[in-house]
C-alpha atoms as a PDB file:
ATOM      1  CA  MET A   1       7.519 -12.025   5.528  1.00  0.00           C
ATOM      2  CA  ILE A   2       4.088 -12.016   5.896  1.00  0.00           C
ATOM      3  CA  LEU A   3       2.105  -8.814   4.931  1.00  0.00           C
ATOM      4  CA  TYR A   4      -1.593  -8.814   6.967  1.00  0.00           C
ATOM      5  CA  TYR A   5      -4.126  -6.833   4.378  1.00  0.00           C
ATOM      6  CA  ALA A   6      -7.932  -5.990   3.775  1.00  0.00           C
ATOM      7  CA  PRO A   7      -8.625  -5.768   0.234  1.00  0.00           C
ATOM      8  CA  GLY A   8      -8.175  -1.933  -0.853  1.00  0.00           C
ATOM      9  CA  GLY A   9      -6.786  -0.704   2.722  1.00  0.00           C
ATOM     10  CA  CYS A  10      -3.588   0.935   2.441  1.00  0.00           C
ATOM     11  CA  SER A  11      -2.067  -1.768   3.569  1.00  0.00           C
ATOM     12  CA  LEU A  12      -2.391  -2.773  -0.905  1.00  0.00           C
ATOM     13  CA  ALA A  13       0.897   0.343  -1.334  1.00  0.00           C
ATOM     14  CA  ASP A  14       2.782  -2.177   0.960  1.00  0.00           C
ATOM     15  CA  HIS A  15       1.304  -5.677  -1.400  1.00  0.00           C
ATOM     16  CA  ILE A  16       2.370  -3.156  -4.514  1.00  0.00           C
ATOM     17  CA  ALA A  17       5.808  -2.809  -2.752  1.00  0.00           C
ATOM     18  CA  LEU A  18       6.206  -6.129  -2.537  1.00  0.00           C
ATOM     19  CA  ILE A  19       5.676  -7.238  -5.830  1.00  0.00           C
ATOM     20  CA  GLU A  20       7.574  -4.476  -7.346  1.00  0.00           C
ATOM     21  CA  THR A  21      10.612  -5.522  -5.654  1.00  0.00           C
ATOM     22  CA  GLY A  22      10.193  -9.623  -5.713  1.00  0.00           C
ATOM     23  CA  LEU A  23      10.685  -9.896  -2.123  1.00  0.00           C
ATOM     24  CA  PRO A  24       9.227 -13.666  -0.935  1.00  0.00           C
ATOM     25  CA  TYR A  25       5.791 -12.910   1.196  1.00  0.00           C
ATOM     26  CA  LYS A  26       2.433 -14.024   2.015  1.00  0.00           C
ATOM     27  CA  LEU A  27      -0.990 -12.578   1.989  1.00  0.00           C
ATOM     28  CA  VAL A  28      -3.195 -13.167   5.505  1.00  0.00           C
ATOM     29  CA  ARG A  29      -6.567 -11.336   5.150  1.00  0.00           C
ATOM     30  CA  VAL A  30      -8.219  -9.521   8.020  1.00  0.00           C
ATOM     31  CA  ASP A  31     -11.127  -8.623   7.938  1.00  0.00           C
ATOM     32  CA  PRO A  32     -12.584  -6.605  11.239  1.00  0.00           C
ATOM     33  CA  ASN A  33     -13.797  -7.998  14.404  1.00  0.00           C
ATOM     34  CA  LYS A  34     -13.175 -11.855  12.380  1.00  0.00           C
ATOM     35  CA  PRO A  35     -10.198 -13.659  13.283  1.00  0.00           C
ATOM     36  CA  THR A  36      -7.569 -13.651  10.534  1.00  0.00           C
ATOM     37  CA  GLU A  37      -7.816 -15.280   7.473  1.00  0.00           C
ATOM     38  CA  ASP A  38      -4.859 -18.028   9.141  1.00  0.00           C
ATOM     39  CA  GLY A  39      -7.588 -18.598  12.694  1.00  0.00           C
ATOM     40  CA  ARG A  40      -5.713 -15.972  15.102  1.00  0.00           C
ATOM     41  CA  ASP A  41      -6.725 -13.047  16.398  1.00  0.00           C
ATOM     42  CA  PHE A  42      -5.427 -10.221  14.706  1.00  0.00           C
ATOM     43  CA  THR A  43      -5.168  -8.018  18.263  1.00  0.00           C
ATOM     44  CA  THR A  44      -2.421 -10.546  19.115  1.00  0.00           C
ATOM     45  CA  ILE A  45      -0.108  -9.975  16.270  1.00  0.00           C
ATOM     46  CA  SER A  46      -0.488  -6.369  15.905  1.00  0.00           C
ATOM     47  CA  PRO A  47      -1.921  -4.378  19.286  1.00  0.00           C
ATOM     48  CA  LYS A  48      -3.206  -1.756  18.023  1.00  0.00           C
ATOM     49  CA  GLY A  49      -5.411  -3.522  15.758  1.00  0.00           C
ATOM     50  CA  TYR A  50      -4.336  -1.348  12.256  1.00  0.00           C
ATOM     51  CA  LEU A  51      -3.456  -2.737   9.111  1.00  0.00           C
ATOM     52  CA  PRO A  52      -1.067  -3.024   7.449  1.00  0.00           C
ATOM     53  CA  ALA A  53       1.359  -5.148   9.350  1.00  0.00           C
ATOM     54  CA  LEU A  54       4.342  -7.228   8.214  1.00  0.00           C
ATOM     55  CA  GLU A  55       5.605 -10.076  10.123  1.00  0.00           C
ATOM     56  CA  LEU A  56       8.787 -10.677   9.469  1.00  0.00           C
ATOM     57  CA  ASP A  57      10.986 -14.089   9.204  1.00  0.00           C
ATOM     58  CA  ASP A  58      11.962 -13.729  12.646  1.00  0.00           C
ATOM     59  CA  GLY A  59       8.053 -13.425  13.773  1.00  0.00           C
ATOM     60  CA  THR A  60       8.729  -9.483  14.508  1.00  0.00           C
ATOM     61  CA  ILE A  61       5.580  -7.584  13.360  1.00  0.00           C
ATOM     62  CA  LEU A  62       6.441  -3.930  11.724  1.00  0.00           C
ATOM     63  CA  THR A  63       3.171  -1.561  12.037  1.00  0.00           C
ATOM     64  CA  GLU A  64       2.194   1.945   9.858  1.00  0.00           C
ATOM     65  CA  ASN A  65       2.702   2.326   6.001  1.00  0.00           C
ATOM     66  CA  LEU A  66       5.936   4.504   6.340  1.00  0.00           C
ATOM     67  CA  ALA A  67       7.975   1.582   8.584  1.00  0.00           C
ATOM     68  CA  ILE A  68       6.948  -1.058   6.447  1.00  0.00           C
ATOM     69  CA  LEU A  69       7.585   0.628   2.936  1.00  0.00           C
ATOM     70  CA  ALA A  70      11.159   2.313   3.687  1.00  0.00           C
ATOM     71  CA  TYR A  71      11.795  -1.588   5.368  1.00  0.00           C
ATOM     72  CA  ILE A  72      10.330  -3.066   1.738  1.00  0.00           C
ATOM     73  CA  ALA A  73      12.842  -0.793   0.191  1.00  0.00           C
ATOM     74  CA  TYR A  74      15.820  -1.130   2.366  1.00  0.00           C
ATOM     75  CA  GLN A  75      15.253  -4.952   2.392  1.00  0.00           C
ATOM     76  CA  ALA A  76      14.783  -5.023  -1.422  1.00  0.00           C
ATOM     77  CA  GLY A  77      17.452  -2.091  -2.226  1.00  0.00           C
ATOM     78  CA  ALA A  78      15.094  -0.495  -4.667  1.00  0.00           C
ATOM     79  CA  LEU A  79      11.666   2.140  -4.480  1.00  0.00           C
ATOM     80  CA  LEU A  80      14.583   4.479  -3.022  1.00  0.00           C
ATOM     81  CA  PRO A  81      17.053   6.229  -4.526  1.00  0.00           C
ATOM     82  CA  GLU A  82      20.254   5.375  -3.082  1.00  0.00           C
ATOM     83  CA  ASP A  83      21.365   8.443  -1.566  1.00  0.00           C
ATOM     84  CA  GLY A  84      21.080  12.786  -2.509  1.00  0.00           C
ATOM     85  CA  ILE A  85      17.758  14.400  -2.151  1.00  0.00           C
ATOM     86  CA  ASP A  86      15.578  12.023  -4.241  1.00  0.00           C
ATOM     87  CA  ARG A  87      15.683   9.810  -1.489  1.00  0.00           C
ATOM     88  CA  TRP A  88      14.697  12.054   1.450  1.00  0.00           C
ATOM     89  CA  ARG A  89      11.832  13.553  -1.070  1.00  0.00           C
ATOM     90  CA  ALA A  90      10.779   9.910  -1.176  1.00  0.00           C
ATOM     91  CA  LEU A  91       9.839  10.071   1.786  1.00  0.00           C
ATOM     92  CA  GLU A  92       9.025  13.341   2.858  1.00  0.00           C
ATOM     93  CA  ALA A  93       6.041  12.443  -0.160  1.00  0.00           C
ATOM     94  CA  THR A  94       5.253   9.384   1.936  1.00  0.00           C
ATOM     95  CA  SER A  95       5.096  10.763   5.071  1.00  0.00           C
ATOM     96  CA  PHE A  96       2.880  13.357   4.019  1.00  0.00           C
ATOM     97  CA  MET A  97       0.798  10.707   2.356  1.00  0.00           C
ATOM     98  CA  THR A  98       0.363   9.105   5.522  1.00  0.00           C
ATOM     99  CA  THR A  99      -0.166  11.698   7.680  1.00  0.00           C
ATOM    100  CA  GLU A 100      -1.988  14.278   5.616  1.00  0.00           C
ATOM    101  CA  PHE A 101      -3.561  12.316   2.759  1.00  0.00           C
ATOM    102  CA  HIS A 102      -7.166  12.497   4.493  1.00  0.00           C
ATOM    103  CA  GLY A 103      -8.062  15.829   3.505  1.00  0.00           C
ATOM    104  CA  ASN A 104      -5.384  16.437   0.191  1.00  0.00           C
ATOM    105  CA  PHE A 105      -4.489  14.329  -3.234  1.00  0.00           C
ATOM    106  CA  ARG A 106      -1.611  15.921  -4.593  1.00  0.00           C
ATOM    107  CA  PRO A 107       1.158  14.131  -6.651  1.00  0.00           C
ATOM    108  CA  ILE A 108       3.947  14.398  -4.713  1.00  0.00           C
ATOM    109  CA  LEU A 109       6.268  12.382  -6.818  1.00  0.00           C
ATOM    110  CA  VAL A 110      10.035  12.108  -7.277  1.00  0.00           C
ATOM    111  CA  GLY A 111      12.407  11.214 -10.459  1.00  0.00           C
ATOM    112  CA  ASP A 112      10.959   8.853 -13.208  1.00  0.00           C
ATOM    113  CA  ARG A 113      11.175   5.407 -11.666  1.00  0.00           C
ATOM    114  CA  ILE A 114       8.796   4.132  -8.920  1.00  0.00           C
ATOM    115  CA  THR A 115       9.250   4.725  -5.289  1.00  0.00           C
ATOM    116  CA  ILE A 116       7.895   4.223  -2.152  1.00  0.00           C
ATOM    117  CA  ALA A 117       5.479   7.101  -2.357  1.00  0.00           C
ATOM    118  CA  ASP A 118       4.119   5.711  -5.999  1.00  0.00           C
ATOM    119  CA  PRO A 119       2.301   2.706  -3.934  1.00  0.00           C
ATOM    120  CA  TYR A 120       0.897   5.160  -1.498  1.00  0.00           C
ATOM    121  CA  LEU A 121      -1.006   7.453  -4.116  1.00  0.00           C
ATOM    122  CA  VAL A 122      -2.608   4.728  -6.002  1.00  0.00           C
ATOM    123  CA  VAL A 123      -4.231   3.946  -2.629  1.00  0.00           C
ATOM    124  CA  MET A 124      -5.214   7.418  -2.018  1.00  0.00           C
ATOM    125  CA  LEU A 125      -6.705   8.131  -5.185  1.00  0.00           C
ATOM    126  CA  MET A 126      -8.343   4.867  -5.594  1.00  0.00           C
ATOM    127  CA  TRP A 127     -10.072   6.208  -2.230  1.00  0.00           C
ATOM    128  CA  ALA A 128     -10.709   9.410  -3.488  1.00  0.00           C
ATOM    129  CA  GLY A 129     -12.460   7.126  -6.805  1.00  0.00           C
ATOM    130  CA  LYS A 130     -14.344   4.697  -3.928  1.00  0.00           C
ATOM    131  CA  ASN A 131     -15.463   7.964  -1.930  1.00  0.00           C
ATOM    132  CA  GLU A 132     -16.375   9.565  -5.162  1.00  0.00           C
ATOM    133  CA  ILE A 133     -13.931  12.237  -4.393  1.00  0.00           C
ATOM    134  CA  GLU A 134     -12.828  14.471  -7.656  1.00  0.00           C
ATOM    135  CA  VAL A 135      -9.172  14.876  -8.076  1.00  0.00           C
ATOM    136  CA  PRO A 136      -7.525  16.125 -11.388  1.00  0.00           C
ATOM    137  CA  GLU A 137      -7.512  14.711 -14.298  1.00  0.00           C
ATOM    138  CA  ARG A 138      -3.850  14.605 -14.183  1.00  0.00           C
ATOM    139  CA  LEU A 139      -4.302  12.067 -11.280  1.00  0.00           C
ATOM    140  CA  THR A 140      -6.482  10.203 -12.884  1.00  0.00           C
ATOM    141  CA  GLY A 141      -4.112   9.478 -15.617  1.00  0.00           C
ATOM    142  CA  TYR A 142      -1.551   8.815 -12.717  1.00  0.00           C
ATOM    143  CA  LEU A 143      -3.986   6.186 -11.405  1.00  0.00           C
ATOM    144  CA  ALA A 144      -4.353   4.273 -14.831  1.00  0.00           C
ATOM    145  CA  GLN A 145      -0.890   4.331 -15.939  1.00  0.00           C
ATOM    146  CA  MET A 146      -0.214   3.111 -12.703  1.00  0.00           C
ATOM    147  CA  LYS A 147      -2.983   0.344 -12.734  1.00  0.00           C
ATOM    148  CA  LYS A 148      -1.000  -1.086 -16.045  1.00  0.00           C
ATOM    149  CA  MET A 149       2.043  -1.232 -14.080  1.00  0.00           C
ATOM    150  CA  PRO A 150       2.424  -5.129 -13.661  1.00  0.00           C
ATOM    151  CA  SER A 151       2.945  -5.023  -9.807  1.00  0.00           C
ATOM    152  CA  VAL A 152      -0.199  -2.884  -9.001  1.00  0.00           C
ATOM    153  CA  ALA A 153      -2.371  -5.343 -11.449  1.00  0.00           C
ATOM    154  CA  ARG A 154      -0.993  -8.544  -9.681  1.00  0.00           C
ATOM    155  CA  ALA A 155      -1.410  -6.550  -6.267  1.00  0.00           C
ATOM    156  CA  LEU A 156      -4.945  -5.504  -7.071  1.00  0.00           C
ATOM    157  CA  ALA A 157      -5.961  -9.192  -8.727  1.00  0.00           C
ATOM    158  CA  ASP A 158      -4.832 -10.551  -5.446  1.00  0.00           C
ATOM    159  CA  GLU A 159      -6.699  -8.794  -3.439  1.00  0.00           C
ATOM    160  CA  GLY A 160      -9.729  -9.040  -5.508  1.00  0.00           C
ATOM    161  CA  LEU A 161      -9.965  -5.450  -6.523  1.00  0.00           C
ATOM    162  CA  SER A 162     -10.333  -5.354 -10.143  1.00  0.00           C
ATOM    163  CA  LEU A 163     -14.088  -3.954  -9.901  1.00  0.00           C
ATOM    164  CA  THR A 164     -14.860  -0.827  -9.990  1.00  0.00           C
ATOM    165  CA  PRO A 165     -14.392   1.337  -6.631  1.00  0.00           C
ATOM    166  CA  ARG A 166     -17.827   0.944  -5.917  1.00  0.00           C
ATOM    167  CA  GLN A 167     -18.048  -2.600  -5.711  1.00  0.00           C
ATOM    168  CA  TRP A 168     -14.390  -3.258  -3.996  1.00  0.00           C
ATOM    169  CA  PHE A 169     -16.230  -3.362  -0.658  1.00  0.00           C
ATOM    170  CA  THR A 170     -19.797  -4.409  -1.188  1.00  0.00           C
ATOM    171  CA  ASP A 171     -18.591  -7.863  -3.241  1.00  0.00           C
ATOM    172  CA  GLN A 172     -16.097  -8.518  -0.530  1.00  0.00           C
ATOM    173  CA  LYS A 173     -17.049 -11.989   0.691  1.00  0.00           C
END
């Protein structure tokens, strides 16, 4: 699989999920109005022109974070409870973040294990910090804990995001 990403973008949620599940993947960076890192016009890959995009091994392209995160979880047999209400709560929480996040940062997590909602909330909280939006101390503590997870730390390092929030976009080449 190939994950098309932009450092610090919502594609970071998919990146974390891929690392967390151990599925094999390749990263290809996409910068606005430039060819992809591998030289292609991104709109030929994803006509919407939006990230994230996940290219499957057969060349099929998936877009939209909820679909990509659910696909990763399904392929790995992880990050979504197998059945019961917790499965649907994880999808509900992720859907909420994908559609309503811009004005709302709320902890809507399920159970005591990481689900697909967690990587997405990491991205939203990082964006809050970048934009100097105050969030409750409970959420800043949650973000600090998540950054200690090996999958999150690795994704941040892979994307050059081991910097302060203000440096994420100004220090990128």
